[in-house]
Amino acid sequence: MLSYGTCTDTGRIADLIAAISGALGDVPIPDLPLVACAPEYMEQKATIDAVFALAFGLYTYVNPVPFVTGAPNLVQLLTSDLPGVTGGVLHIETDAVEAAEGMLAHIESNRKKLGL
């Protein structure tokens, strides 16, 4: 687990992820054993960080449900269509154990794919 400071510091984590991808032979970002996680975010800025992570292709867990449910096209994109667009996956789960299991399953699956 890495924390890169405030929500405005997403560029630094993106640089690190790109470096990891390059070090592993330019592995596509969605195939890396990584997750973005905001388990109990307290500010709406976390929603845009989650959108950044999804656009970047990361498996992304957030709780509570982001304030986007009033926009049906956006909900469709974030919950169904996004894996085919960026490779990003939005995982919304209110049960902490279920959320952790989902994140670990994603990490282990991608590690296995990469032989790590």
PDB file of N, CA and C in Angstrom:
ATOM      1  N   MET A   1       0.841  -1.151   0.000  1.00  0.00           N
ATOM      2  CA  MET A   1       0.000   0.000   0.000  1.00  0.00           C
ATOM      3  C   MET A   1       0.896   1.227   0.000  1.00  0.00           C
ATOM      4  N   LEU A   2       0.578   2.156  -0.879  1.00  0.00           N
ATOM      5  CA  LEU A   2       1.308   3.415  -0.954  1.00  0.00           C
ATOM      6  C   LEU A   2       0.327   4.563  -0.841  1.00  0.00           C
ATOM      7  N   SER A   3       0.665   5.547  -0.078  1.00  0.00           N
ATOM      8  CA  SER A   3      -0.109   6.777  -0.012  1.00  0.00           C
ATOM      9  C   SER A   3       0.751   7.865  -0.624  1.00  0.00           C
ATOM     10  N   TYR A   4       0.172   8.587  -1.520  1.00  0.00           N
ATOM     11  CA  TYR A   4       0.914   9.656  -2.174  1.00  0.00           C
ATOM     12  C   TYR A   4       0.372  11.022  -1.813  1.00  0.00           C
ATOM     13  N   GLY A   5      -0.034  11.181  -0.569  1.00  0.00           N
ATOM     14  CA  GLY A   5      -0.438  12.498  -0.092  1.00  0.00           C
ATOM     15  C   GLY A   5      -1.872  12.828  -0.428  1.00  0.00           C
ATOM     16  N   THR A   6      -2.088  14.087  -0.720  1.00  0.00           N
ATOM     17  CA  THR A   6      -3.439  14.582  -0.943  1.00  0.00           C
ATOM     18  C   THR A   6      -3.953  14.159  -2.310  1.00  0.00           C
ATOM     19  N   CYS A   7      -5.216  14.426  -2.510  1.00  0.00           N
ATOM     20  CA  CYS A   7      -5.854  14.021  -3.764  1.00  0.00           C
ATOM     21  C   CYS A   7      -5.270  14.735  -4.974  1.00  0.00           C
ATOM     22  N   THR A   8      -4.547  15.810  -4.767  1.00  0.00           N
ATOM     23  CA  THR A   8      -3.951  16.519  -5.896  1.00  0.00           C
ATOM     24  C   THR A   8      -2.628  15.908  -6.340  1.00  0.00           C
ATOM     25  N   ASP A   9      -2.209  14.845  -5.684  1.00  0.00           N
ATOM     26  CA  ASP A   9      -0.918  14.230  -5.981  1.00  0.00           C
ATOM     27  C   ASP A   9      -1.024  13.002  -6.877  1.00  0.00           C
ATOM     28  N   THR A  10      -2.112  12.858  -7.589  1.00  0.00           N
ATOM     29  CA  THR A  10      -2.300  11.662  -8.412  1.00  0.00           C
ATOM     30  C   THR A  10      -1.264  11.550  -9.520  1.00  0.00           C
ATOM     31  N   GLY A  11      -0.727  12.653  -9.964  1.00  0.00           N
ATOM     32  CA  GLY A  11       0.294  12.606 -11.009  1.00  0.00           C
ATOM     33  C   GLY A  11       1.530  11.841 -10.579  1.00  0.00           C
ATOM     34  N   ARG A  12       1.901  11.957  -9.317  1.00  0.00           N
ATOM     35  CA  ARG A  12       3.085  11.235  -8.831  1.00  0.00           C
ATOM     36  C   ARG A  12       2.851   9.733  -8.835  1.00  0.00           C
ATOM     37  N   ILE A  13       1.672   9.296  -8.443  1.00  0.00           N
ATOM     38  CA  ILE A  13       1.400   7.858  -8.452  1.00  0.00           C
ATOM     39  C   ILE A  13       1.305   7.361  -9.896  1.00  0.00           C
ATOM     40  N   ALA A  14       0.781   8.188 -10.792  1.00  0.00           N
ATOM     41  CA  ALA A  14       0.728   7.801 -12.209  1.00  0.00           C
ATOM     42  C   ALA A  14       2.129   7.605 -12.764  1.00  0.00           C
ATOM     43  N   ASP A  15       3.056   8.473 -12.366  1.00  0.00           N
ATOM     44  CA  ASP A  15       4.449   8.323 -12.813  1.00  0.00           C
ATOM     45  C   ASP A  15       5.034   7.006 -12.299  1.00  0.00           C
ATOM     46  N   LEU A  16       4.763   6.674 -11.045  1.00  0.00           N
ATOM     47  CA  LEU A  16       5.272   5.421 -10.480  1.00  0.00           C
ATOM     48  C   LEU A  16       4.666   4.219 -11.203  1.00  0.00           C
ATOM     49  N   ILE A  17       3.380   4.252 -11.451  1.00  0.00           N
ATOM     50  CA  ILE A  17       2.717   3.133 -12.139  1.00  0.00           C
ATOM     51  C   ILE A  17       3.287   2.969 -13.544  1.00  0.00           C
ATOM     52  N   ALA A  18       3.499   4.076 -14.235  1.00  0.00           N
ATOM     53  CA  ALA A  18       4.095   3.999 -15.574  1.00  0.00           C
ATOM     54  C   ALA A  18       5.505   3.402 -15.502  1.00  0.00           C
ATOM     55  N   ALA A  19       6.261   3.751 -14.467  1.00  0.00           N
ATOM     56  CA  ALA A  19       7.605   3.199 -14.309  1.00  0.00           C
ATOM     57  C   ALA A  19       7.549   1.700 -14.027  1.00  0.00           C
ATOM     58  N   ILE A  20       6.604   1.271 -13.226  1.00  0.00           N
ATOM     59  CA  ILE A  20       6.443  -0.159 -12.949  1.00  0.00           C
ATOM     60  C   ILE A  20       6.085  -0.892 -14.238  1.00  0.00           C
ATOM     61  N   SER A  21       5.161  -0.325 -14.992  1.00  0.00           N
ATOM     62  CA  SER A  21       4.779  -0.926 -16.276  1.00  0.00           C
ATOM     63  C   SER A  21       5.997  -1.076 -17.175  1.00  0.00           C
ATOM     64  N   GLY A  22       6.791  -0.009 -17.278  1.00  0.00           N
ATOM     65  CA  GLY A  22       7.988  -0.046 -18.117  1.00  0.00           C
ATOM     66  C   GLY A  22       9.004  -1.064 -17.636  1.00  0.00           C
ATOM     67  N   ALA A  23       9.198  -1.141 -16.328  1.00  0.00           N
ATOM     68  CA  ALA A  23      10.167  -2.087 -15.764  1.00  0.00           C
ATOM     69  C   ALA A  23       9.759  -3.533 -16.018  1.00  0.00           C
ATOM     70  N   LEU A  24       8.459  -3.758 -16.165  1.00  0.00           N
ATOM     71  CA  LEU A  24       7.969  -5.111 -16.429  1.00  0.00           C
ATOM     72  C   LEU A  24       7.782  -5.373 -17.924  1.00  0.00           C
ATOM     73  N   GLY A  25       8.342  -4.511 -18.758  1.00  0.00           N
ATOM     74  CA  GLY A  25       8.253  -4.729 -20.204  1.00  0.00           C
ATOM     75  C   GLY A  25       7.050  -4.068 -20.840  1.00  0.00           C
ATOM     76  N   ASP A  26       6.654  -2.928 -20.336  1.00  0.00           N
ATOM     77  CA  ASP A  26       5.504  -2.174 -20.849  1.00  0.00           C
ATOM     78  C   ASP A  26       4.191  -2.950 -20.733  1.00  0.00           C
ATOM     79  N   VAL A  27       3.996  -3.560 -19.582  1.00  0.00           N
ATOM     80  CA  VAL A  27       2.736  -4.248 -19.292  1.00  0.00           C
ATOM     81  C   VAL A  27       1.620  -3.210 -19.302  1.00  0.00           C
ATOM     82  N   PRO A  28       0.502  -3.479 -19.973  1.00  0.00           N
ATOM     83  CA  PRO A  28      -0.623  -2.538 -19.940  1.00  0.00           C
ATOM     84  C   PRO A  28      -1.073  -2.283 -18.497  1.00  0.00           C
ATOM     85  N   ILE A  29      -1.403  -1.054 -18.197  1.00  0.00           N
ATOM     86  CA  ILE A  29      -1.792  -0.658 -16.838  1.00  0.00           C
ATOM     87  C   ILE A  29      -2.888  -1.568 -16.268  1.00  0.00           C
ATOM     88  N   PRO A  30      -3.954  -1.887 -17.026  1.00  0.00           N
ATOM     89  CA  PRO A  30      -4.999  -2.747 -16.444  1.00  0.00           C
ATOM     90  C   PRO A  30      -4.510  -4.141 -16.066  1.00  0.00           C
ATOM     91  N   ASP A  31      -3.379  -4.566 -16.613  1.00  0.00           N
ATOM     92  CA  ASP A  31      -2.850  -5.899 -16.327  1.00  0.00           C
ATOM     93  C   ASP A  31      -1.905  -5.930 -15.119  1.00  0.00           C
ATOM     94  N   LEU A  32      -1.608  -4.776 -14.560  1.00  0.00           N
ATOM     95  CA  LEU A  32      -0.723  -4.730 -13.399  1.00  0.00           C
ATOM     96  C   LEU A  32      -1.487  -5.156 -12.138  1.00  0.00           C
ATOM     97  N   PRO A  33      -0.797  -5.757 -11.185  1.00  0.00           N
ATOM     98  CA  PRO A  33      -1.442  -6.174  -9.943  1.00  0.00           C
ATOM     99  C   PRO A  33      -1.557  -5.000  -8.968  1.00  0.00           C
ATOM    100  N   LEU A  34      -2.354  -4.011  -9.360  1.00  0.00           N
ATOM    101  CA  LEU A  34      -2.520  -2.782  -8.597  1.00  0.00           C
ATOM    102  C   LEU A  34      -3.994  -2.454  -8.430  1.00  0.00           C
ATOM    103  N   VAL A  35      -4.319  -1.770  -7.355  1.00  0.00           N
ATOM    104  CA  VAL A  35      -5.657  -1.225  -7.176  1.00  0.00           C
ATOM    105  C   VAL A  35      -5.541   0.193  -6.633  1.00  0.00           C
ATOM    106  N   ALA A  36      -6.520   1.003  -6.971  1.00  0.00           N
ATOM    107  CA  ALA A  36      -6.681   2.312  -6.348  1.00  0.00           C
ATOM    108  C   ALA A  36      -7.817   2.154  -5.348  1.00  0.00           C
ATOM    109  N   CYS A  37      -7.647   2.761  -4.182  1.00  0.00           N
ATOM    110  CA  CYS A  37      -8.604   2.497  -3.112  1.00  0.00           C
ATOM    111  C   CYS A  37      -8.886   3.759  -2.300  1.00  0.00           C
ATOM    112  N   ALA A  38     -10.168   4.069  -2.140  1.00  0.00           N
ATOM    113  CA  ALA A  38     -10.613   5.135  -1.240  1.00  0.00           C
ATOM    114  C   ALA A  38     -11.727   4.526  -0.389  1.00  0.00           C
ATOM    115  N   PRO A  39     -11.349   3.824   0.686  1.00  0.00           N
ATOM    116  CA  PRO A  39     -12.322   3.031   1.435  1.00  0.00           C
ATOM    117  C   PRO A  39     -13.316   3.826   2.265  1.00  0.00           C
ATOM    118  N   GLU A  40     -12.975   5.012   2.650  1.00  0.00           N
ATOM    119  CA  GLU A  40     -13.884   5.844   3.437  1.00  0.00           C
ATOM    120  C   GLU A  40     -13.602   7.311   3.133  1.00  0.00           C
ATOM    121  N   TYR A  41     -13.715   7.648   1.865  1.00  0.00           N
ATOM    122  CA  TYR A  41     -13.366   9.021   1.512  1.00  0.00           C
ATOM    123  C   TYR A  41     -14.339  10.004   2.162  1.00  0.00           C
ATOM    124  N   MET A  42     -13.815  11.180   2.452  1.00  0.00           N
ATOM    125  CA  MET A  42     -14.605  12.174   3.172  1.00  0.00           C
ATOM    126  C   MET A  42     -14.846  13.429   2.343  1.00  0.00           C
ATOM    127  N   GLU A  43     -14.230  13.551   1.204  1.00  0.00           N
ATOM    128  CA  GLU A  43     -14.408  14.725   0.366  1.00  0.00           C
ATOM    129  C   GLU A  43     -14.754  14.290  -1.047  1.00  0.00           C
ATOM    130  N   GLN A  44     -15.523  15.122  -1.714  1.00  0.00           N
ATOM    131  CA  GLN A  44     -15.924  14.799  -3.077  1.00  0.00           C
ATOM    132  C   GLN A  44     -14.748  14.788  -4.037  1.00  0.00           C
ATOM    133  N   LYS A  45     -13.628  15.373  -3.644  1.00  0.00           N
ATOM    134  CA  LYS A  45     -12.435  15.338  -4.494  1.00  0.00           C
ATOM    135  C   LYS A  45     -12.008  13.898  -4.766  1.00  0.00           C
ATOM    136  N   ALA A  46     -12.332  13.005  -3.857  1.00  0.00           N
ATOM    137  CA  ALA A  46     -11.971  11.596  -4.051  1.00  0.00           C
ATOM    138  C   ALA A  46     -12.687  11.010  -5.261  1.00  0.00           C
ATOM    139  N   THR A  47     -13.848  11.546  -5.594  1.00  0.00           N
ATOM    140  CA  THR A  47     -14.576  11.057  -6.769  1.00  0.00           C
ATOM    141  C   THR A  47     -13.768  11.310  -8.033  1.00  0.00           C
ATOM    142  N   ILE A  48     -13.186  12.486  -8.161  1.00  0.00           N
ATOM    143  CA  ILE A  48     -12.402  12.771  -9.361  1.00  0.00           C
ATOM    144  C   ILE A  48     -11.125  11.961  -9.367  1.00  0.00           C
ATOM    145  N   ASP A  49     -10.561  11.666  -8.202  1.00  0.00           N
ATOM    146  CA  ASP A  49      -9.396  10.781  -8.145  1.00  0.00           C
ATOM    147  C   ASP A  49      -9.774   9.390  -8.627  1.00  0.00           C
ATOM    148  N   ALA A  50     -10.957   8.928  -8.252  1.00  0.00           N
ATOM    149  CA  ALA A  50     -11.421   7.621  -8.714  1.00  0.00           C
ATOM    150  C   ALA A  50     -11.616   7.633 -10.224  1.00  0.00           C
ATOM    151  N   VAL A  51     -12.180   8.703 -10.761  1.00  0.00           N
ATOM    152  CA  VAL A  51     -12.363   8.809 -12.213  1.00  0.00           C
ATOM    153  C   VAL A  51     -11.004   8.816 -12.909  1.00  0.00           C
ATOM    154  N   PHE A  52     -10.023   9.515 -12.335  1.00  0.00           N
ATOM    155  CA  PHE A  52      -8.670   9.491 -12.892  1.00  0.00           C
ATOM    156  C   PHE A  52      -8.135   8.060 -12.921  1.00  0.00           C
ATOM    157  N   ALA A  53      -8.248   7.344 -11.792  1.00  0.00           N
ATOM    158  CA  ALA A  53      -7.741   5.977 -11.709  1.00  0.00           C
ATOM    159  C   ALA A  53      -8.425   5.086 -12.736  1.00  0.00           C
ATOM    160  N   LEU A  54      -9.716   5.266 -12.908  1.00  0.00           N
ATOM    161  CA  LEU A  54     -10.457   4.473 -13.889  1.00  0.00           C
ATOM    162  C   LEU A  54     -10.015   4.805 -15.312  1.00  0.00           C
ATOM    163  N   ALA A  55      -9.836   6.076 -15.593  1.00  0.00           N
ATOM    164  CA  ALA A  55      -9.376   6.477 -16.917  1.00  0.00           C
ATOM    165  C   ALA A  55      -7.970   5.952 -17.192  1.00  0.00           C
ATOM    166  N   PHE A  56      -7.174   5.833 -16.137  1.00  0.00           N
ATOM    167  CA  PHE A  56      -5.804   5.331 -16.236  1.00  0.00           C
ATOM    168  C   PHE A  56      -5.784   3.813 -16.410  1.00  0.00           C
ATOM    169  N   GLY A  57      -6.934   3.162 -16.146  1.00  0.00           N
ATOM    170  CA  GLY A  57      -7.034   1.723 -16.354  1.00  0.00           C
ATOM    171  C   GLY A  57      -6.926   0.891 -15.099  1.00  0.00           C
ATOM    172  N   LEU A  58      -7.076   1.502 -13.936  1.00  0.00           N
ATOM    173  CA  LEU A  58      -6.911   0.763 -12.691  1.00  0.00           C
ATOM    174  C   LEU A  58      -8.223   0.183 -12.167  1.00  0.00           C
ATOM    175  N   TYR A  59      -8.103  -0.937 -11.483  1.00  0.00           N
ATOM    176  CA  TYR A  59      -9.189  -1.474 -10.668  1.00  0.00           C
ATOM    177  C   TYR A  59      -9.317  -0.490  -9.506  1.00  0.00           C
ATOM    178  N   THR A  60     -10.510   0.044  -9.302  1.00  0.00           N
ATOM    179  CA  THR A  60     -10.692   1.136  -8.354  1.00  0.00           C
ATOM    180  C   THR A  60     -11.837   0.837  -7.410  1.00  0.00           C
ATOM    181  N   TYR A  61     -11.532   0.876  -6.122  1.00  0.00           N
ATOM    182  CA  TYR A  61     -12.541   0.651  -5.087  1.00  0.00           C
ATOM    183  C   TYR A  61     -12.827   1.958  -4.366  1.00  0.00           C
ATOM    184  N   VAL A  62     -14.112   2.291  -4.247  1.00  0.00           N
ATOM    185  CA  VAL A  62     -14.520   3.477  -3.493  1.00  0.00           C
ATOM    186  C   VAL A  62     -15.712   3.156  -2.609  1.00  0.00           C
ATOM    187  N   ASN A  63     -15.771   3.843  -1.494  1.00  0.00           N
ATOM    188  CA  ASN A  63     -16.890   3.746  -0.566  1.00  0.00           C
ATOM    189  C   ASN A  63     -16.943   5.055   0.216  1.00  0.00           C
ATOM    190  N   PRO A  64     -18.079   5.686   0.318  1.00  0.00           N
ATOM    191  CA  PRO A  64     -19.408   5.320  -0.135  1.00  0.00           C
ATOM    192  C   PRO A  64     -19.568   5.520  -1.639  1.00  0.00           C
ATOM    193  N   VAL A  65     -20.750   5.200  -2.134  1.00  0.00           N
ATOM    194  CA  VAL A  65     -21.048   5.348  -3.557  1.00  0.00           C
ATOM    195  C   VAL A  65     -20.808   6.810  -3.953  1.00  0.00           C
ATOM    196  N   PRO A  66     -20.018   7.043  -5.004  1.00  0.00           N
ATOM    197  CA  PRO A  66     -19.768   8.422  -5.440  1.00  0.00           C
ATOM    198  C   PRO A  66     -21.056   9.114  -5.881  1.00  0.00           C
ATOM    199  N   PHE A  67     -21.042  10.419  -5.816  1.00  0.00           N
ATOM    200  CA  PHE A  67     -22.210  11.216  -6.176  1.00  0.00           C
ATOM    201  C   PHE A  67     -22.337  11.358  -7.693  1.00  0.00           C
ATOM    202  N   VAL A  68     -22.569  10.244  -8.371  1.00  0.00           N
ATOM    203  CA  VAL A  68     -22.730  10.264  -9.825  1.00  0.00           C
ATOM    204  C   VAL A  68     -24.002   9.538 -10.252  1.00  0.00           C
ATOM    205  N   THR A  69     -24.790   9.076  -9.294  1.00  0.00           N
ATOM    206  CA  THR A  69     -25.934   8.223  -9.628  1.00  0.00           C
ATOM    207  C   THR A  69     -27.063   8.966 -10.327  1.00  0.00           C
ATOM    208  N   GLY A  70     -27.031  10.282 -10.366  1.00  0.00           N
ATOM    209  CA  GLY A  70     -28.065  11.035 -11.061  1.00  0.00           C
ATOM    210  C   GLY A  70     -27.803  11.178 -12.548  1.00  0.00           C
ATOM    211  N   ALA A  71     -26.705  10.642 -13.020  1.00  0.00           N
ATOM    212  CA  ALA A  71     -26.330  10.754 -14.431  1.00  0.00           C
ATOM    213  C   ALA A  71     -26.287   9.356 -15.038  1.00  0.00           C
ATOM    214  N   PRO A  72     -27.413   8.891 -15.600  1.00  0.00           N
ATOM    215  CA  PRO A  72     -27.490   7.502 -16.071  1.00  0.00           C
ATOM    216  C   PRO A  72     -26.407   7.105 -17.071  1.00  0.00           C
ATOM    217  N   ASN A  73     -26.024   7.988 -17.984  1.00  0.00           N
ATOM    218  CA  ASN A  73     -24.990   7.638 -18.960  1.00  0.00           C
ATOM    219  C   ASN A  73     -23.639   7.461 -18.286  1.00  0.00           C
ATOM    220  N   LEU A  74     -23.354   8.292 -17.296  1.00  0.00           N
ATOM    221  CA  LEU A  74     -22.097   8.162 -16.562  1.00  0.00           C
ATOM    222  C   LEU A  74     -22.084   6.887 -15.725  1.00  0.00           C
ATOM    223  N   VAL A  75     -23.201   6.570 -15.101  1.00  0.00           N
ATOM    224  CA  VAL A  75     -23.296   5.328 -14.322  1.00  0.00           C
ATOM    225  C   VAL A  75     -23.063   4.130 -15.239  1.00  0.00           C
ATOM    226  N   GLN A  76     -23.665   4.147 -16.421  1.00  0.00           N
ATOM    227  CA  GLN A  76     -23.473   3.064 -17.394  1.00  0.00           C
ATOM    228  C   GLN A  76     -22.000   2.937 -17.776  1.00  0.00           C
ATOM    229  N   LEU A  77     -21.358   4.070 -18.039  1.00  0.00           N
ATOM    230  CA  LEU A  77     -19.941   4.055 -18.403  1.00  0.00           C
ATOM    231  C   LEU A  77     -19.097   3.503 -17.259  1.00  0.00           C
ATOM    232  N   LEU A  78     -19.308   4.013 -16.049  1.00  0.00           N
ATOM    233  CA  LEU A  78     -18.457   3.637 -14.925  1.00  0.00           C
ATOM    234  C   LEU A  78     -18.680   2.209 -14.451  1.00  0.00           C
ATOM    235  N   THR A  79     -19.909   1.724 -14.535  1.00  0.00           N
ATOM    236  CA  THR A  79     -20.202   0.402 -13.973  1.00  0.00           C
ATOM    237  C   THR A  79     -20.209  -0.724 -14.997  1.00  0.00           C
ATOM    238  N   SER A  80     -20.338  -0.404 -16.271  1.00  0.00           N
ATOM    239  CA  SER A  80     -20.443  -1.472 -17.269  1.00  0.00           C
ATOM    240  C   SER A  80     -19.475  -1.341 -18.442  1.00  0.00           C
ATOM    241  N   ASP A  81     -19.366  -0.153 -18.995  1.00  0.00           N
ATOM    242  CA  ASP A  81     -18.655   0.024 -20.260  1.00  0.00           C
ATOM    243  C   ASP A  81     -17.155   0.269 -20.116  1.00  0.00           C
ATOM    244  N   LEU A  82     -16.733   0.772 -18.980  1.00  0.00           N
ATOM    245  CA  LEU A  82     -15.361   1.222 -18.819  1.00  0.00           C
ATOM    246  C   LEU A  82     -14.291   0.162 -19.063  1.00  0.00           C
ATOM    247  N   PRO A  83     -14.466  -1.087 -18.633  1.00  0.00           N
ATOM    248  CA  PRO A  83     -13.407  -2.071 -18.913  1.00  0.00           C
ATOM    249  C   PRO A  83     -13.063  -2.175 -20.396  1.00  0.00           C
ATOM    250  N   GLY A  84     -14.041  -1.991 -21.261  1.00  0.00           N
ATOM    251  CA  GLY A  84     -13.783  -2.044 -22.689  1.00  0.00           C
ATOM    252  C   GLY A  84     -13.206  -0.760 -23.259  1.00  0.00           C
ATOM    253  N   VAL A  85     -13.257   0.310 -22.493  1.00  0.00           N
ATOM    254  CA  VAL A  85     -12.754   1.604 -22.954  1.00  0.00           C
ATOM    255  C   VAL A  85     -11.324   1.838 -22.451  1.00  0.00           C
ATOM    256  N   THR A  86     -11.118   1.756 -21.153  1.00  0.00           N
ATOM    257  CA  THR A  86      -9.791   2.036 -20.575  1.00  0.00           C
ATOM    258  C   THR A  86      -9.184   0.825 -19.877  1.00  0.00           C
ATOM    259  N   GLY A  87     -10.000  -0.181 -19.599  1.00  0.00           N
ATOM    260  CA  GLY A  87      -9.547  -1.312 -18.803  1.00  0.00           C
ATOM    261  C   GLY A  87      -9.811  -1.120 -17.321  1.00  0.00           C
ATOM    262  N   GLY A  88     -10.220   0.088 -16.936  1.00  0.00           N
ATOM    263  CA  GLY A  88     -10.512   0.373 -15.533  1.00  0.00           C
ATOM    264  C   GLY A  88     -11.767  -0.350 -15.075  1.00  0.00           C
ATOM    265  N   VAL A  89     -11.790  -0.717 -13.804  1.00  0.00           N
ATOM    266  CA  VAL A  89     -12.929  -1.415 -13.209  1.00  0.00           C
ATOM    267  C   VAL A  89     -13.320  -0.680 -11.941  1.00  0.00           C
ATOM    268  N   LEU A  90     -14.587  -0.296 -11.841  1.00  0.00           N
ATOM    269  CA  LEU A  90     -15.086   0.357 -10.638  1.00  0.00           C
ATOM    270  C   LEU A  90     -15.719  -0.683  -9.739  1.00  0.00           C
ATOM    271  N   HIS A  91     -15.211  -0.763  -8.511  1.00  0.00           N
ATOM    272  CA  HIS A  91     -15.758  -1.688  -7.516  1.00  0.00           C
ATOM    273  C   HIS A  91     -16.333  -0.842  -6.388  1.00  0.00           C
ATOM    274  N   ILE A  92     -17.640  -0.896  -6.254  1.00  0.00           N
ATOM    275  CA  ILE A  92     -18.315  -0.207  -5.159  1.00  0.00           C
ATOM    276  C   ILE A  92     -18.841  -1.280  -4.234  1.00  0.00           C
ATOM    277  N   GLU A  93     -18.427  -1.208  -2.999  1.00  0.00           N
ATOM    278  CA  GLU A  93     -18.813  -2.222  -2.012  1.00  0.00           C
ATOM    279  C   GLU A  93     -18.843  -1.563  -0.645  1.00  0.00           C
ATOM    280  N   THR A  94     -19.904  -1.786   0.110  1.00  0.00           N
ATOM    281  CA  THR A  94     -19.988  -1.195   1.448  1.00  0.00           C
ATOM    282  C   THR A  94     -19.477  -2.139   2.529  1.00  0.00           C
ATOM    283  N   ASP A  95     -19.342  -3.418   2.226  1.00  0.00           N
ATOM    284  CA  ASP A  95     -18.820  -4.378   3.189  1.00  0.00           C
ATOM    285  C   ASP A  95     -17.301  -4.429   3.053  1.00  0.00           C
ATOM    286  N   ALA A  96     -16.595  -4.093   4.119  1.00  0.00           N
ATOM    287  CA  ALA A  96     -15.129  -4.000   4.070  1.00  0.00           C
ATOM    288  C   ALA A  96     -14.472  -5.330   3.725  1.00  0.00           C
ATOM    289  N   VAL A  97     -15.003  -6.433   4.240  1.00  0.00           N
ATOM    290  CA  VAL A  97     -14.418  -7.745   3.961  1.00  0.00           C
ATOM    291  C   VAL A  97     -14.587  -8.086   2.479  1.00  0.00           C
ATOM    292  N   GLU A  98     -15.778  -7.868   1.958  1.00  0.00           N
ATOM    293  CA  GLU A  98     -16.027  -8.123   0.531  1.00  0.00           C
ATOM    294  C   GLU A  98     -15.123  -7.245  -0.341  1.00  0.00           C
ATOM    295  N   ALA A  99     -14.973  -5.994   0.057  1.00  0.00           N
ATOM    296  CA  ALA A  99     -14.124  -5.082  -0.711  1.00  0.00           C
ATOM    297  C   ALA A  99     -12.680  -5.568  -0.726  1.00  0.00           C
ATOM    298  N   ALA A 100     -12.177  -5.944   0.445  1.00  0.00           N
ATOM    299  CA  ALA A 100     -10.792  -6.439   0.533  1.00  0.00           C
ATOM    300  C   ALA A 100     -10.614  -7.706  -0.287  1.00  0.00           C
ATOM    301  N   GLU A 101     -11.575  -8.603  -0.224  1.00  0.00           N
ATOM    302  CA  GLU A 101     -11.492  -9.841  -1.011  1.00  0.00           C
ATOM    303  C   GLU A 101     -11.477  -9.542  -2.500  1.00  0.00           C
ATOM    304  N   GLY A 102     -12.278  -8.578  -2.941  1.00  0.00           N
ATOM    305  CA  GLY A 102     -12.293  -8.208  -4.356  1.00  0.00           C
ATOM    306  C   GLY A 102     -10.968  -7.625  -4.803  1.00  0.00           C
ATOM    307  N   MET A 103     -10.396  -6.759  -3.990  1.00  0.00           N
ATOM    308  CA  MET A 103      -9.100  -6.161  -4.338  1.00  0.00           C
ATOM    309  C   MET A 103      -8.005  -7.214  -4.376  1.00  0.00           C
ATOM    310  N   LEU A 104      -7.979  -8.091  -3.374  1.00  0.00           N
ATOM    311  CA  LEU A 104      -6.963  -9.151  -3.346  1.00  0.00           C
ATOM    312  C   LEU A 104      -7.121 -10.111  -4.521  1.00  0.00           C
ATOM    313  N   ALA A 105      -8.356 -10.432  -4.878  1.00  0.00           N
ATOM    314  CA  ALA A 105      -8.587 -11.323  -6.018  1.00  0.00           C
ATOM    315  C   ALA A 105      -8.052 -10.693  -7.304  1.00  0.00           C
ATOM    316  N   HIS A 106      -8.274  -9.405  -7.472  1.00  0.00           N
ATOM    317  CA  HIS A 106      -7.767  -8.711  -8.658  1.00  0.00           C
ATOM    318  C   HIS A 106      -6.236  -8.741  -8.680  1.00  0.00           C
ATOM    319  N   ILE A 107      -5.624  -8.426  -7.547  1.00  0.00           N
ATOM    320  CA  ILE A 107      -4.158  -8.416  -7.466  1.00  0.00           C
ATOM    321  C   ILE A 107      -3.595  -9.798  -7.765  1.00  0.00           C
ATOM    322  N   GLU A 108      -4.145 -10.821  -7.127  1.00  0.00           N
ATOM    323  CA  GLU A 108      -3.636 -12.181  -7.330  1.00  0.00           C
ATOM    324  C   GLU A 108      -3.848 -12.658  -8.759  1.00  0.00           C
ATOM    325  N   SER A 109      -4.983 -12.334  -9.353  1.00  0.00           N
ATOM    326  CA  SER A 109      -5.257 -12.726 -10.738  1.00  0.00           C
ATOM    327  C   SER A 109      -4.227 -12.103 -11.684  1.00  0.00           C
ATOM    328  N   ASN A 110      -3.957 -10.818 -11.508  1.00  0.00           N
ATOM    329  CA  ASN A 110      -2.989 -10.163 -12.389  1.00  0.00           C
ATOM    330  C   ASN A 110      -1.561 -10.619 -12.112  1.00  0.00           C
ATOM    331  N   ARG A 111      -1.250 -10.905 -10.868  1.00  0.00           N
ATOM    332  CA  ARG A 111       0.078 -11.466 -10.581  1.00  0.00           C
ATOM    333  C   ARG A 111       0.255 -12.800 -11.307  1.00  0.00           C
ATOM    334  N   LYS A 112      -0.772 -13.625 -11.265  1.00  0.00           N
ATOM    335  CA  LYS A 112      -0.705 -14.937 -11.928  1.00  0.00           C
ATOM    336  C   LYS A 112      -0.521 -14.752 -13.436  1.00  0.00           C
ATOM    337  N   LYS A 113      -1.272 -13.830 -14.039  1.00  0.00           N
ATOM    338  CA  LYS A 113      -1.146 -13.572 -15.477  1.00  0.00           C
ATOM    339  C   LYS A 113       0.273 -13.169 -15.853  1.00  0.00           C
ATOM    340  N   LEU A 114       0.925 -12.408 -14.959  1.00  0.00           N
ATOM    341  CA  LEU A 114       2.269 -11.912 -15.246  1.00  0.00           C
ATOM    342  C   LEU A 114       3.371 -12.848 -14.757  1.00  0.00           C
ATOM    343  N   GLY A 115       2.993 -13.930 -14.082  1.00  0.00           N
ATOM    344  CA  GLY A 115       3.985 -14.853 -13.571  1.00  0.00           C
ATOM    345  C   GLY A 115       4.770 -14.306 -12.403  1.00  0.00           C
ATOM    346  N   LEU A 116       4.136 -13.458 -11.614  1.00  0.00           N
ATOM    347  CA  LEU A 116       4.812 -12.854 -10.452  1.00  0.00           C
ATOM    348  C   LEU A 116       4.451 -13.566  -9.163  1.00  0.00           C
TER     349      LEU A 116
END
